[in-house]
Amino acid sequence: MSSEGQLKVKAQIMDGAAIRRSLVRISHEIVEKNKGVQDIVLVGIRRRGVPLSERLGAYIEEFEDVVVPNGSLDITLYRDDLTLRHDRPMVHRTEVPFDITGKTVILVDDVLYTGRTVRAAMDALVDFGRPGTIQLAVLVDRGHRELPIRPDYVGKNVPTSRHEVIEVRVDEIDGIEDVVIMERQEEGAE
């Protein structure tokens, strides 16, 4: 998993039912805060933000009887640490098949950590237009912000150490549904 040692599961902090409850609650909060869904669009940050965004859209449609446009954003080339991460970055598809100008864009991601992914996503969004507002929905906020970014909607706040990793696993990508805290296993430890 990592060149700095293996990661092992320390604790499960959300199961599939807890994820579903959090997303249902967030979808209600989005509708309530925005006094409906007029001019709202959802944009999931690849990878796991995309299925979470699609689920939020499905829940909103279920109780508002309105389809909210949903897109996906690959922020790979917008990252400020691109050269530190990979020699040849893997670029995925971005799909924002609607005009975001003047809209309330709900950015959706799985984990908020330093804020750098969200900053890159905001940079990428402006290539598609000028949103009226950008709001942020995350399943897990783990703290340790390096940029002044705050989520509008949070499934769960999980204080962590910098040595821990939060891993969100979703059926659509991982074939399992949960959120776990991973920790680095010391070299030579079993």
C-alpha atoms as a PDB file:
ATOM      1  CA  MET A   1       0.000   0.000   0.000  1.00  0.00           C
ATOM      2  CA  SER A   2       2.667   2.491   0.922  1.00  0.00           C
ATOM      3  CA  SER A   3       6.407   2.687   0.622  1.00  0.00           C
ATOM      4  CA  GLU A   4       6.494   3.976   4.223  1.00  0.00           C
ATOM      5  CA  GLY A   5       5.153   0.730   5.686  1.00  0.00           C
ATOM      6  CA  GLN A   6       1.957  -1.210   5.525  1.00  0.00           C
ATOM      7  CA  LEU A   7      -1.369   0.222   6.573  1.00  0.00           C
ATOM      8  CA  LYS A   8      -3.655  -1.796   8.795  1.00  0.00           C
ATOM      9  CA  VAL A   9      -7.212  -1.216   9.919  1.00  0.00           C
ATOM     10  CA  LYS A  10      -7.266   0.385  13.363  1.00  0.00           C
ATOM     11  CA  ALA A  11     -11.042   0.855  13.672  1.00  0.00           C
ATOM     12  CA  GLN A  12     -14.229   0.932  11.652  1.00  0.00           C
ATOM     13  CA  ILE A  13     -15.950   4.258  12.291  1.00  0.00           C
ATOM     14  CA  MET A  14     -18.936   3.917   9.931  1.00  0.00           C
ATOM     15  CA  ASP A  15     -20.688   0.925   8.429  1.00  0.00           C
ATOM     16  CA  GLY A  16     -22.928   0.964   5.362  1.00  0.00           C
ATOM     17  CA  ALA A  17     -26.027   1.920   7.356  1.00  0.00           C
ATOM     18  CA  ALA A  18     -24.213   4.853   9.004  1.00  0.00           C
ATOM     19  CA  ILE A  19     -23.010   6.086   5.607  1.00  0.00           C
ATOM     20  CA  ARG A  20     -26.562   5.925   4.247  1.00  0.00           C
ATOM     21  CA  ARG A  21     -27.984   7.789   7.257  1.00  0.00           C
ATOM     22  CA  SER A  22     -25.316  10.499   6.931  1.00  0.00           C
ATOM     23  CA  LEU A  23     -25.998  10.979   3.223  1.00  0.00           C
ATOM     24  CA  VAL A  24     -29.770  11.127   3.764  1.00  0.00           C
ATOM     25  CA  ARG A  25     -29.244  13.766   6.479  1.00  0.00           C
ATOM     26  CA  ILE A  26     -26.847  15.777   4.273  1.00  0.00           C
ATOM     27  CA  SER A  27     -29.318  15.684   1.374  1.00  0.00           C
ATOM     28  CA  HIS A  28     -32.036  17.105   3.640  1.00  0.00           C
ATOM     29  CA  GLU A  29     -29.618  19.777   4.913  1.00  0.00           C
ATOM     30  CA  ILE A  30     -28.765  20.798   1.335  1.00  0.00           C
ATOM     31  CA  VAL A  31     -32.444  21.266   0.485  1.00  0.00           C
ATOM     32  CA  GLU A  32     -33.142  23.105   3.738  1.00  0.00           C
ATOM     33  CA  LYS A  33     -30.144  25.457   3.565  1.00  0.00           C
ATOM     34  CA  ASN A  34     -30.880  26.361  -0.054  1.00  0.00           C
ATOM     35  CA  LYS A  35     -34.663  26.615   0.442  1.00  0.00           C
ATOM     36  CA  GLY A  36     -35.253  23.963  -2.211  1.00  0.00           C
ATOM     37  CA  VAL A  37     -33.226  22.695  -5.125  1.00  0.00           C
ATOM     38  CA  GLN A  38     -33.662  25.435  -7.723  1.00  0.00           C
ATOM     39  CA  ASP A  39     -30.293  26.261  -9.342  1.00  0.00           C
ATOM     40  CA  ILE A  40     -28.464  23.530  -7.405  1.00  0.00           C
ATOM     41  CA  VAL A  41     -26.019  21.186  -9.123  1.00  0.00           C
ATOM     42  CA  LEU A  42     -23.943  18.398  -7.579  1.00  0.00           C
ATOM     43  CA  VAL A  43     -20.342  17.736  -8.599  1.00  0.00           C
ATOM     44  CA  GLY A  44     -18.463  14.768  -7.145  1.00  0.00           C
ATOM     45  CA  ILE A  45     -14.679  14.878  -6.868  1.00  0.00           C
ATOM     46  CA  ARG A  46     -13.171  11.720  -8.364  1.00  0.00           C
ATOM     47  CA  ARG A  47     -12.945   9.007  -7.136  1.00  0.00           C
ATOM     48  CA  ARG A  48     -15.196   8.345  -4.181  1.00  0.00           C
ATOM     49  CA  GLY A  49     -16.895  11.732  -4.217  1.00  0.00           C
ATOM     50  CA  VAL A  50     -18.639  10.704  -7.435  1.00  0.00           C
ATOM     51  CA  PRO A  51     -20.751   7.815  -6.064  1.00  0.00           C
ATOM     52  CA  LEU A  52     -21.453   9.851  -2.921  1.00  0.00           C
ATOM     53  CA  SER A  53     -22.675  12.740  -5.088  1.00  0.00           C
ATOM     54  CA  GLU A  54     -24.851  10.380  -7.125  1.00  0.00           C
ATOM     55  CA  ARG A  55     -26.409   9.032  -3.934  1.00  0.00           C
ATOM     56  CA  LEU A  56     -27.096  12.541  -2.637  1.00  0.00           C
ATOM     57  CA  GLY A  57     -28.815  13.306  -5.934  1.00  0.00           C
ATOM     58  CA  ALA A  58     -30.930  10.151  -5.674  1.00  0.00           C
ATOM     59  CA  TYR A  59     -32.012  10.986  -2.101  1.00  0.00           C
ATOM     60  CA  ILE A  60     -32.898  14.555  -3.072  1.00  0.00           C
ATOM     61  CA  GLU A  61     -34.900  13.272  -6.038  1.00  0.00           C
ATOM     62  CA  GLU A  62     -36.663  10.776  -3.777  1.00  0.00           C
ATOM     63  CA  PHE A  63     -38.084  13.370  -1.381  1.00  0.00           C
ATOM     64  CA  GLU A  64     -38.196  16.499  -3.592  1.00  0.00           C
ATOM     65  CA  ASP A  65     -39.295  14.772  -6.820  1.00  0.00           C
ATOM     66  CA  VAL A  66     -36.742  16.847  -8.762  1.00  0.00           C
ATOM     67  CA  VAL A  67     -33.678  15.604 -10.608  1.00  0.00           C
ATOM     68  CA  VAL A  68     -30.621  17.629  -9.598  1.00  0.00           C
ATOM     69  CA  PRO A  69     -27.907  17.750 -12.294  1.00  0.00           C
ATOM     70  CA  ASN A  70     -24.883  15.689 -11.278  1.00  0.00           C
ATOM     71  CA  GLY A  71     -21.339  15.828 -12.620  1.00  0.00           C
ATOM     72  CA  SER A  72     -17.873  14.551 -11.836  1.00  0.00           C
ATOM     73  CA  LEU A  73     -14.585  16.376 -11.586  1.00  0.00           C
ATOM     74  CA  ASP A  74     -11.051  15.050 -11.947  1.00  0.00           C
ATOM     75  CA  ILE A  75      -8.718  17.469 -10.213  1.00  0.00           C
ATOM     76  CA  THR A  76      -5.457  15.610 -10.927  1.00  0.00           C
ATOM     77  CA  LEU A  77      -3.909  18.318 -13.123  1.00  0.00           C
ATOM     78  CA  TYR A  78      -5.022  21.080 -10.736  1.00  0.00           C
ATOM     79  CA  ARG A  79      -3.201  19.704  -7.691  1.00  0.00           C
ATOM     80  CA  ASP A  80      -0.390  21.805  -6.257  1.00  0.00           C
ATOM     81  CA  ASP A  81       1.501  18.630  -5.298  1.00  0.00           C
ATOM     82  CA  LEU A  82       1.218  16.913  -8.679  1.00  0.00           C
ATOM     83  CA  THR A  83       4.962  16.516  -9.218  1.00  0.00           C
ATOM     84  CA  LEU A  84       5.414  15.224  -5.676  1.00  0.00           C
ATOM     85  CA  ARG A  85       2.796  12.498  -6.105  1.00  0.00           C
ATOM     86  CA  HIS A  86       3.503  10.875  -9.469  1.00  0.00           C
ATOM     87  CA  ASP A  87       5.860  11.077 -12.433  1.00  0.00           C
ATOM     88  CA  ARG A  88       2.963  10.204 -14.752  1.00  0.00           C
ATOM     89  CA  PRO A  89      -0.356  11.139 -13.178  1.00  0.00           C
ATOM     90  CA  MET A  90      -3.453   9.130 -14.058  1.00  0.00           C
ATOM     91  CA  VAL A  91      -6.024  11.534 -15.451  1.00  0.00           C
ATOM     92  CA  HIS A  92      -9.673  10.468 -15.342  1.00  0.00           C
ATOM     93  CA  ARG A  93     -12.701  11.864 -17.076  1.00  0.00           C
ATOM     94  CA  THR A  94     -14.362  15.078 -15.967  1.00  0.00           C
ATOM     95  CA  GLU A  95     -18.048  15.326 -16.795  1.00  0.00           C
ATOM     96  CA  VAL A  96     -19.859  18.561 -16.096  1.00  0.00           C
ATOM     97  CA  PRO A  97     -22.531  18.427 -18.829  1.00  0.00           C
ATOM     98  CA  PHE A  98     -24.393  21.528 -17.644  1.00  0.00           C
ATOM     99  CA  ASP A  99     -23.728  25.238 -17.237  1.00  0.00           C
ATOM    100  CA  ILE A 100     -22.613  26.097 -13.695  1.00  0.00           C
ATOM    101  CA  THR A 101     -22.703  29.872 -14.218  1.00  0.00           C
ATOM    102  CA  GLY A 102     -24.781  31.437 -11.458  1.00  0.00           C
ATOM    103  CA  LYS A 103     -25.619  28.031  -9.953  1.00  0.00           C
ATOM    104  CA  THR A 104     -25.108  26.771  -6.432  1.00  0.00           C
ATOM    105  CA  VAL A 105     -22.507  24.061  -6.911  1.00  0.00           C
ATOM    106  CA  ILE A 106     -22.344  21.445  -4.179  1.00  0.00           C
ATOM    107  CA  LEU A 107     -18.865  19.903  -4.334  1.00  0.00           C
ATOM    108  CA  VAL A 108     -18.920  16.385  -2.873  1.00  0.00           C
ATOM    109  CA  ASP A 109     -15.895  14.499  -1.550  1.00  0.00           C
ATOM    110  CA  ASP A 110     -15.326  11.551   0.740  1.00  0.00           C
ATOM    111  CA  VAL A 111     -12.749  12.965   3.192  1.00  0.00           C
ATOM    112  CA  LEU A 112     -11.723  16.537   3.978  1.00  0.00           C
ATOM    113  CA  TYR A 113      -8.178  16.716   5.291  1.00  0.00           C
ATOM    114  CA  THR A 114      -5.779  19.547   4.362  1.00  0.00           C
ATOM    115  CA  GLY A 115      -8.187  21.326   2.023  1.00  0.00           C
ATOM    116  CA  ARG A 116      -5.841  21.092  -0.970  1.00  0.00           C
ATOM    117  CA  THR A 117      -8.126  18.746  -2.936  1.00  0.00           C
ATOM    118  CA  VAL A 118     -11.048  21.134  -2.484  1.00  0.00           C
ATOM    119  CA  ARG A 119      -8.913  24.114  -3.540  1.00  0.00           C
ATOM    120  CA  ALA A 120      -7.904  22.209  -6.692  1.00  0.00           C
ATOM    121  CA  ALA A 121     -11.564  21.351  -7.342  1.00  0.00           C
ATOM    122  CA  MET A 122     -12.564  25.003  -7.075  1.00  0.00           C
ATOM    123  CA  ASP A 123      -9.811  25.915  -9.548  1.00  0.00           C
ATOM    124  CA  ALA A 124     -11.077  23.226 -11.930  1.00  0.00           C
ATOM    125  CA  LEU A 125     -14.695  24.371 -11.583  1.00  0.00           C
ATOM    126  CA  VAL A 126     -13.991  27.867 -12.866  1.00  0.00           C
ATOM    127  CA  ASP A 127     -12.965  26.327 -16.189  1.00  0.00           C
ATOM    128  CA  PHE A 128     -16.661  25.455 -16.592  1.00  0.00           C
ATOM    129  CA  GLY A 129     -18.146  28.807 -15.635  1.00  0.00           C
ATOM    130  CA  ARG A 130     -18.613  31.135 -12.689  1.00  0.00           C
ATOM    131  CA  PRO A 131     -20.801  29.561 -10.000  1.00  0.00           C
ATOM    132  CA  GLY A 132     -23.006  31.799  -7.903  1.00  0.00           C
ATOM    133  CA  THR A 133     -21.877  29.874  -4.822  1.00  0.00           C
ATOM    134  CA  ILE A 134     -19.814  26.802  -4.040  1.00  0.00           C
ATOM    135  CA  GLN A 135     -20.759  24.674  -1.055  1.00  0.00           C
ATOM    136  CA  LEU A 136     -18.860  21.648   0.211  1.00  0.00           C
ATOM    137  CA  ALA A 137     -20.314  18.316   1.360  1.00  0.00           C
ATOM    138  CA  VAL A 138     -17.995  15.672   2.798  1.00  0.00           C
ATOM    139  CA  LEU A 139     -18.681  12.310   4.359  1.00  0.00           C
ATOM    140  CA  VAL A 140     -15.775  12.664   6.844  1.00  0.00           C
ATOM    141  CA  ASP A 141     -13.963  15.746   8.139  1.00  0.00           C
ATOM    142  CA  ARG A 142     -10.736  14.636   9.800  1.00  0.00           C
ATOM    143  CA  GLY A 143      -9.246  18.043  10.583  1.00  0.00           C
ATOM    144  CA  HIS A 144      -5.624  19.152  10.003  1.00  0.00           C
ATOM    145  CA  ARG A 145      -6.516  21.919   7.529  1.00  0.00           C
ATOM    146  CA  GLU A 146      -3.655  23.674   5.734  1.00  0.00           C
ATOM    147  CA  LEU A 147      -5.976  26.045   3.852  1.00  0.00           C
ATOM    148  CA  PRO A 148      -8.934  28.075   5.145  1.00  0.00           C
ATOM    149  CA  ILE A 149     -11.592  25.695   3.821  1.00  0.00           C
ATOM    150  CA  ARG A 150     -14.642  24.649   5.835  1.00  0.00           C
ATOM    151  CA  PRO A 151     -17.322  22.155   4.812  1.00  0.00           C
ATOM    152  CA  ASP A 152     -20.978  23.204   4.717  1.00  0.00           C
ATOM    153  CA  TYR A 153     -22.230  19.632   5.212  1.00  0.00           C
ATOM    154  CA  VAL A 154     -20.426  16.891   7.164  1.00  0.00           C
ATOM    155  CA  GLY A 155     -21.411  13.285   7.669  1.00  0.00           C
ATOM    156  CA  LYS A 156     -19.027  12.724  10.582  1.00  0.00           C
ATOM    157  CA  ASN A 157     -16.205  14.652  12.262  1.00  0.00           C
ATOM    158  CA  VAL A 158     -13.344  12.296  13.120  1.00  0.00           C
ATOM    159  CA  PRO A 159     -10.345  13.737  14.948  1.00  0.00           C
ATOM    160  CA  THR A 160      -7.237  11.913  13.750  1.00  0.00           C
ATOM    161  CA  SER A 161      -3.495  12.089  14.057  1.00  0.00           C
ATOM    162  CA  ARG A 162      -1.455  12.896  10.974  1.00  0.00           C
ATOM    163  CA  HIS A 163      -0.123   9.319  11.053  1.00  0.00           C
ATOM    164  CA  GLU A 164      -3.585   7.880  10.542  1.00  0.00           C
ATOM    165  CA  VAL A 165      -5.431   7.562   7.253  1.00  0.00           C
ATOM    166  CA  ILE A 166      -9.205   7.643   6.800  1.00  0.00           C
ATOM    167  CA  GLU A 167     -10.340   5.248   4.112  1.00  0.00           C
ATOM    168  CA  VAL A 168     -13.857   5.475   2.717  1.00  0.00           C
ATOM    169  CA  ARG A 169     -14.859   2.314   0.889  1.00  0.00           C
ATOM    170  CA  VAL A 170     -17.961   2.303  -1.308  1.00  0.00           C
ATOM    171  CA  ASP A 171     -19.679  -0.591  -3.057  1.00  0.00           C
ATOM    172  CA  GLU A 172     -19.394   1.023  -6.498  1.00  0.00           C
ATOM    173  CA  ILE A 173     -15.577   1.089  -6.364  1.00  0.00           C
ATOM    174  CA  ASP A 174     -14.445  -1.209  -3.563  1.00  0.00           C
ATOM    175  CA  GLY A 175     -17.213  -3.808  -3.259  1.00  0.00           C
ATOM    176  CA  ILE A 176     -17.495  -2.979   0.449  1.00  0.00           C
ATOM    177  CA  GLU A 177     -19.268  -0.182   2.279  1.00  0.00           C
ATOM    178  CA  ASP A 178     -17.604   1.381   5.320  1.00  0.00           C
ATOM    179  CA  VAL A 179     -15.232   4.008   6.682  1.00  0.00           C
ATOM    180  CA  VAL A 180     -12.128   2.869   8.541  1.00  0.00           C
ATOM    181  CA  ILE A 181      -9.164   4.458  10.266  1.00  0.00           C
ATOM    182  CA  MET A 182      -5.925   2.960   9.010  1.00  0.00           C
ATOM    183  CA  GLU A 183      -2.598   3.298  10.750  1.00  0.00           C
ATOM    184  CA  ARG A 184       0.936   2.706   9.610  1.00  0.00           C
ATOM    185  CA  GLN A 185       2.418  -0.511  10.844  1.00  0.00           C
ATOM    186  CA  GLU A 186       5.986  -0.066  12.004  1.00  0.00           C
ATOM    187  CA  GLU A 187       8.665  -1.840  10.009  1.00  0.00           C
ATOM    188  CA  GLY A 188       9.300  -5.249  11.536  1.00  0.00           C
ATOM    189  CA  ALA A 189       6.032  -5.187  13.544  1.00  0.00           C
ATOM    190  CA  GLU A 190       3.499  -7.894  12.993  1.00  0.00           C
END
